[in-house]
Amino acid sequence: MIKAELKRRGLSYADLVGKLADIGVMDSEPNIRNKLSRGKFTAVFLVQCLEAIGANVVSIQ
């Protein structure tokens, strides 16, 4: 879901790192890339990412 939202918004992993830092979540690009490629992360991280990229509404299909 996060990858799809990033693609839909034209954002890169580096952009996500910067936006997460803006809301106080410090993480490295390789770490985020690994989390997303594995698909194993907490619900809190999911919500933080969606909040950081401004995804107020997410379509699940």
PDB file of N, CA and C in Angstrom:
ATOM      1  N   MET A   1       0.818  -1.177   0.000  1.00  0.00           N
ATOM      2  CA  MET A   1       0.000   0.000   0.000  1.00  0.00           C
ATOM      3  C   MET A   1       0.874   1.258   0.000  1.00  0.00           C
ATOM      4  N   ILE A   2       1.936   1.240   0.775  1.00  0.00           N
ATOM      5  CA  ILE A   2       2.815   2.415   0.831  1.00  0.00           C
ATOM      6  C   ILE A   2       3.501   2.620  -0.514  1.00  0.00           C
ATOM      7  N   LYS A   3       3.991   1.530  -1.104  1.00  0.00           N
ATOM      8  CA  LYS A   3       4.658   1.650  -2.404  1.00  0.00           C
ATOM      9  C   LYS A   3       3.699   2.220  -3.443  1.00  0.00           C
ATOM     10  N   ALA A   4       2.461   1.751  -3.432  1.00  0.00           N
ATOM     11  CA  ALA A   4       1.465   2.236  -4.398  1.00  0.00           C
ATOM     12  C   ALA A   4       1.190   3.728  -4.201  1.00  0.00           C
ATOM     13  N   GLU A   5       1.073   4.147  -2.952  1.00  0.00           N
ATOM     14  CA  GLU A   5       0.824   5.564  -2.682  1.00  0.00           C
ATOM     15  C   GLU A   5       2.014   6.422  -3.087  1.00  0.00           C
ATOM     16  N   LEU A   6       3.226   5.925  -2.848  1.00  0.00           N
ATOM     17  CA  LEU A   6       4.413   6.677  -3.275  1.00  0.00           C
ATOM     18  C   LEU A   6       4.426   6.833  -4.789  1.00  0.00           C
ATOM     19  N   LYS A   7       4.147   5.755  -5.478  1.00  0.00           N
ATOM     20  CA  LYS A   7       4.151   5.789  -6.945  1.00  0.00           C
ATOM     21  C   LYS A   7       3.055   6.728  -7.461  1.00  0.00           C
ATOM     22  N   ARG A   8       1.875   6.632  -6.875  1.00  0.00           N
ATOM     23  CA  ARG A   8       0.745   7.458  -7.287  1.00  0.00           C
ATOM     24  C   ARG A   8       1.057   8.945  -7.116  1.00  0.00           C
ATOM     25  N   ARG A   9       1.843   9.269  -6.105  1.00  0.00           N
ATOM     26  CA  ARG A   9       2.178  10.661  -5.810  1.00  0.00           C
ATOM     27  C   ARG A   9       3.507  11.107  -6.412  1.00  0.00           C
ATOM     28  N   GLY A  10       4.190  10.181  -7.111  1.00  0.00           N
ATOM     29  CA  GLY A  10       5.461  10.524  -7.739  1.00  0.00           C
ATOM     30  C   GLY A  10       6.580  10.765  -6.752  1.00  0.00           C
ATOM     31  N   LEU A  11       6.553  10.046  -5.624  1.00  0.00           N
ATOM     32  CA  LEU A  11       7.562  10.229  -4.582  1.00  0.00           C
ATOM     33  C   LEU A  11       8.537   9.059  -4.564  1.00  0.00           C
ATOM     34  N   SER A  12       9.766   9.335  -4.167  1.00  0.00           N
ATOM     35  CA  SER A  12      10.796   8.304  -4.040  1.00  0.00           C
ATOM     36  C   SER A  12      10.956   7.937  -2.568  1.00  0.00           C
ATOM     37  N   TYR A  13      11.772   6.920  -2.313  1.00  0.00           N
ATOM     38  CA  TYR A  13      12.079   6.547  -0.934  1.00  0.00           C
ATOM     39  C   TYR A  13      12.798   7.697  -0.228  1.00  0.00           C
ATOM     40  N   ALA A  14      13.662   8.387  -0.949  1.00  0.00           N
ATOM     41  CA  ALA A  14      14.369   9.536  -0.366  1.00  0.00           C
ATOM     42  C   ALA A  14      13.373  10.622   0.044  1.00  0.00           C
ATOM     43  N   ASP A  15      12.348  10.843  -0.782  1.00  0.00           N
ATOM     44  CA  ASP A  15      11.311  11.813  -0.433  1.00  0.00           C
ATOM     45  C   ASP A  15      10.587  11.381   0.844  1.00  0.00           C
ATOM     46  N   LEU A  16      10.300  10.078   0.937  1.00  0.00           N
ATOM     47  CA  LEU A  16       9.624   9.554   2.120  1.00  0.00           C
ATOM     48  C   LEU A  16      10.475   9.762   3.369  1.00  0.00           C
ATOM     49  N   VAL A  17      11.774   9.515   3.265  1.00  0.00           N
ATOM     50  CA  VAL A  17      12.677   9.722   4.404  1.00  0.00           C
ATOM     51  C   VAL A  17      12.592  11.173   4.873  1.00  0.00           C
ATOM     52  N   GLY A  18      12.628  12.102   3.943  1.00  0.00           N
ATOM     53  CA  GLY A  18      12.549  13.523   4.288  1.00  0.00           C
ATOM     54  C   GLY A  18      11.226  13.894   4.924  1.00  0.00           C
ATOM     55  N   LYS A  19      10.138  13.365   4.380  1.00  0.00           N
ATOM     56  CA  LYS A  19       8.818  13.672   4.919  1.00  0.00           C
ATOM     57  C   LYS A  19       8.617  13.048   6.295  1.00  0.00           C
ATOM     58  N   LEU A  20       9.173  11.845   6.503  1.00  0.00           N
ATOM     59  CA  LEU A  20       9.108  11.234   7.829  1.00  0.00           C
ATOM     60  C   LEU A  20       9.914  12.050   8.835  1.00  0.00           C
ATOM     61  N   ALA A  21      11.070  12.541   8.410  1.00  0.00           N
ATOM     62  CA  ALA A  21      11.902  13.368   9.295  1.00  0.00           C
ATOM     63  C   ALA A  21      11.152  14.637   9.699  1.00  0.00           C
ATOM     64  N   ASP A  22      10.364  15.176   8.777  1.00  0.00           N
ATOM     65  CA  ASP A  22       9.589  16.385   9.075  1.00  0.00           C
ATOM     66  C   ASP A  22       8.591  16.167  10.205  1.00  0.00           C
ATOM     67  N   ILE A  23       8.107  14.923  10.361  1.00  0.00           N
ATOM     68  CA  ILE A  23       7.156  14.646  11.439  1.00  0.00           C
ATOM     69  C   ILE A  23       7.835  13.976  12.636  1.00  0.00           C
ATOM     70  N   GLY A  24       9.172  13.943  12.614  1.00  0.00           N
ATOM     71  CA  GLY A  24       9.925  13.449  13.762  1.00  0.00           C
ATOM     72  C   GLY A  24      10.280  11.979  13.744  1.00  0.00           C
ATOM     73  N   VAL A  25      10.122  11.322  12.612  1.00  0.00           N
ATOM     74  CA  VAL A  25      10.465   9.901  12.496  1.00  0.00           C
ATOM     75  C   VAL A  25      11.795   9.806  11.765  1.00  0.00           C
ATOM     76  N   MET A  26      12.840   9.435  12.490  1.00  0.00           N
ATOM     77  CA  MET A  26      14.169   9.370  11.911  1.00  0.00           C
ATOM     78  C   MET A  26      14.474   7.938  11.484  1.00  0.00           C
ATOM     79  N   ASP A  27      14.722   7.744  10.205  1.00  0.00           N
ATOM     80  CA  ASP A  27      15.040   6.433   9.655  1.00  0.00           C
ATOM     81  C   ASP A  27      15.866   6.654   8.395  1.00  0.00           C
ATOM     82  N   SER A  28      16.673   5.662   8.036  1.00  0.00           N
ATOM     83  CA  SER A  28      17.519   5.809   6.853  1.00  0.00           C
ATOM     84  C   SER A  28      16.795   5.264   5.621  1.00  0.00           C
ATOM     85  N   GLU A  29      17.219   5.730   4.471  1.00  0.00           N
ATOM     86  CA  GLU A  29      16.613   5.262   3.222  1.00  0.00           C
ATOM     87  C   GLU A  29      16.785   3.755   3.034  1.00  0.00           C
ATOM     88  N   PRO A  30      17.997   3.200   3.252  1.00  0.00           N
ATOM     89  CA  PRO A  30      18.122   1.738   3.098  1.00  0.00           C
ATOM     90  C   PRO A  30      17.210   0.957   4.048  1.00  0.00           C
ATOM     91  N   ASN A  31      17.057   1.450   5.271  1.00  0.00           N
ATOM     92  CA  ASN A  31      16.196   0.778   6.236  1.00  0.00           C
ATOM     93  C   ASN A  31      14.733   0.801   5.782  1.00  0.00           C
ATOM     94  N   ILE A  32      14.266   1.934   5.310  1.00  0.00           N
ATOM     95  CA  ILE A  32      12.888   2.044   4.825  1.00  0.00           C
ATOM     96  C   ILE A  32      12.698   1.175   3.589  1.00  0.00           C
ATOM     97  N   ARG A  33      13.673   1.201   2.684  1.00  0.00           N
ATOM     98  CA  ARG A  33      13.596   0.363   1.477  1.00  0.00           C
ATOM     99  C   ARG A  33      13.474  -1.115   1.861  1.00  0.00           C
ATOM    100  N   ASN A  34      14.251  -1.547   2.844  1.00  0.00           N
ATOM    101  CA  ASN A  34      14.196  -2.941   3.296  1.00  0.00           C
ATOM    102  C   ASN A  34      12.854  -3.269   3.938  1.00  0.00           C
ATOM    103  N   LYS A  35      12.362  -2.381   4.785  1.00  0.00           N
ATOM    104  CA  LYS A  35      11.065  -2.607   5.431  1.00  0.00           C
ATOM    105  C   LYS A  35       9.968  -2.789   4.391  1.00  0.00           C
ATOM    106  N   LEU A  36       9.956  -1.901   3.409  1.00  0.00           N
ATOM    107  CA  LEU A  36       8.900  -1.956   2.404  1.00  0.00           C
ATOM    108  C   LEU A  36       9.048  -3.152   1.472  1.00  0.00           C
ATOM    109  N   SER A  37      10.272  -3.537   1.152  1.00  0.00           N
ATOM    110  CA  SER A  37      10.454  -4.692   0.266  1.00  0.00           C
ATOM    111  C   SER A  37      10.095  -5.991   0.973  1.00  0.00           C
ATOM    112  N   ARG A  38      10.377  -6.075   2.279  1.00  0.00           N
ATOM    113  CA  ARG A  38       9.993  -7.259   3.053  1.00  0.00           C
ATOM    114  C   ARG A  38       8.501  -7.284   3.331  1.00  0.00           C
ATOM    115  N   GLY A  39       7.918  -6.105   3.454  1.00  0.00           N
ATOM    116  CA  GLY A  39       6.506  -6.021   3.784  1.00  0.00           C
ATOM    117  C   GLY A  39       6.232  -6.269   5.255  1.00  0.00           C
ATOM    118  N   LYS A  40       7.270  -6.204   6.067  1.00  0.00           N
ATOM    119  CA  LYS A  40       7.122  -6.427   7.508  1.00  0.00           C
ATOM    120  C   LYS A  40       7.444  -5.145   8.253  1.00  0.00           C
ATOM    121  N   PHE A  41       6.399  -4.507   8.744  1.00  0.00           N
ATOM    122  CA  PHE A  41       6.569  -3.313   9.550  1.00  0.00           C
ATOM    123  C   PHE A  41       5.308  -3.150  10.395  1.00  0.00           C
ATOM    124  N   THR A  42       5.406  -2.307  11.387  1.00  0.00           N
ATOM    125  CA  THR A  42       4.291  -2.133  12.309  1.00  0.00           C
ATOM    126  C   THR A  42       3.197  -1.266  11.700  1.00  0.00           C
ATOM    127  N   ALA A  43       2.024  -1.379  12.284  1.00  0.00           N
ATOM    128  CA  ALA A  43       0.904  -0.533  11.862  1.00  0.00           C
ATOM    129  C   ALA A  43       1.227   0.937  12.134  1.00  0.00           C
ATOM    130  N   VAL A  44       1.972   1.186  13.187  1.00  0.00           N
ATOM    131  CA  VAL A  44       2.372   2.560  13.508  1.00  0.00           C
ATOM    132  C   VAL A  44       3.217   3.136  12.376  1.00  0.00           C
ATOM    133  N   PHE A  45       4.157   2.346  11.855  1.00  0.00           N
ATOM    134  CA  PHE A  45       4.997   2.800  10.744  1.00  0.00           C
ATOM    135  C   PHE A  45       4.134   3.076   9.510  1.00  0.00           C
ATOM    136  N   LEU A  46       3.157   2.212   9.244  1.00  0.00           N
ATOM    137  CA  LEU A  46       2.250   2.412   8.113  1.00  0.00           C
ATOM    138  C   LEU A  46       1.523   3.746   8.241  1.00  0.00           C
ATOM    139  N   VAL A  47       0.966   4.011   9.408  1.00  0.00           N
ATOM    140  CA  VAL A  47       0.230   5.256   9.632  1.00  0.00           C
ATOM    141  C   VAL A  47       1.172   6.457   9.536  1.00  0.00           C
ATOM    142  N   GLN A  48       2.379   6.328  10.067  1.00  0.00           N
ATOM    143  CA  GLN A  48       3.355   7.425   9.981  1.00  0.00           C
ATOM    144  C   GLN A  48       3.682   7.740   8.524  1.00  0.00           C
ATOM    145  N   CYS A  49       3.890   6.711   7.729  1.00  0.00           N
ATOM    146  CA  CYS A  49       4.197   6.923   6.308  1.00  0.00           C
ATOM    147  C   CYS A  49       3.037   7.590   5.585  1.00  0.00           C
ATOM    148  N   LEU A  50       1.831   7.098   5.817  1.00  0.00           N
ATOM    149  CA  LEU A  50       0.666   7.678   5.157  1.00  0.00           C
ATOM    150  C   LEU A  50       0.453   9.121   5.592  1.00  0.00           C
ATOM    151  N   GLU A  51       0.661   9.396   6.859  1.00  0.00           N
ATOM    152  CA  GLU A  51       0.553  10.765   7.364  1.00  0.00           C
ATOM    153  C   GLU A  51       1.625  11.654   6.719  1.00  0.00           C
ATOM    154  N   ALA A  52       2.842  11.148   6.645  1.00  0.00           N
ATOM    155  CA  ALA A  52       3.954  11.931   6.098  1.00  0.00           C
ATOM    156  C   ALA A  52       3.730  12.310   4.638  1.00  0.00           C
ATOM    157  N   ILE A  53       3.153  11.404   3.858  1.00  0.00           N
ATOM    158  CA  ILE A  53       2.957  11.698   2.431  1.00  0.00           C
ATOM    159  C   ILE A  53       1.615  12.367   2.158  1.00  0.00           C
ATOM    160  N   GLY A  54       0.834  12.563   3.218  1.00  0.00           N
ATOM    161  CA  GLY A  54      -0.437  13.280   3.063  1.00  0.00           C
ATOM    162  C   GLY A  54      -1.553  12.438   2.492  1.00  0.00           C
ATOM    163  N   ALA A  55      -1.507  11.139   2.732  1.00  0.00           N
ATOM    164  CA  ALA A  55      -2.552  10.247   2.224  1.00  0.00           C
ATOM    165  C   ALA A  55      -3.709  10.222   3.234  1.00  0.00           C
ATOM    166  N   ASN A  56      -4.652  11.115   3.044  1.00  0.00           N
ATOM    167  CA  ASN A  56      -5.807  11.189   3.937  1.00  0.00           C
ATOM    168  C   ASN A  56      -6.829  10.105   3.615  1.00  0.00           C
ATOM    169  N   VAL A  57      -6.899   9.733   2.347  1.00  0.00           N
ATOM    170  CA  VAL A  57      -7.813   8.694   1.894  1.00  0.00           C
ATOM    171  C   VAL A  57      -7.000   7.680   1.107  1.00  0.00           C
ATOM    172  N   VAL A  58      -7.153   6.404   1.458  1.00  0.00           N
ATOM    173  CA  VAL A  58      -6.421   5.347   0.779  1.00  0.00           C
ATOM    174  C   VAL A  58      -7.434   4.368   0.205  1.00  0.00           C
ATOM    175  N   SER A  59      -7.289   4.059  -1.069  1.00  0.00           N
ATOM    176  CA  SER A  59      -8.169   3.096  -1.720  1.00  0.00           C
ATOM    177  C   SER A  59      -7.598   1.696  -1.602  1.00  0.00           C
ATOM    178  N   ILE A  60      -8.375   0.803  -1.044  1.00  0.00           N
ATOM    179  CA  ILE A  60      -7.946  -0.596  -0.903  1.00  0.00           C
ATOM    180  C   ILE A  60      -8.781  -1.445  -1.844  1.00  0.00           C
ATOM    181  N   GLN A  61      -8.125  -1.960  -2.854  1.00  0.00           N
ATOM    182  CA  GLN A  61      -8.841  -2.794  -3.838  1.00  0.00           C
ATOM    183  C   GLN A  61      -8.039  -3.982  -4.207  1.00  0.00           C
TER     184      GLN A  61
END
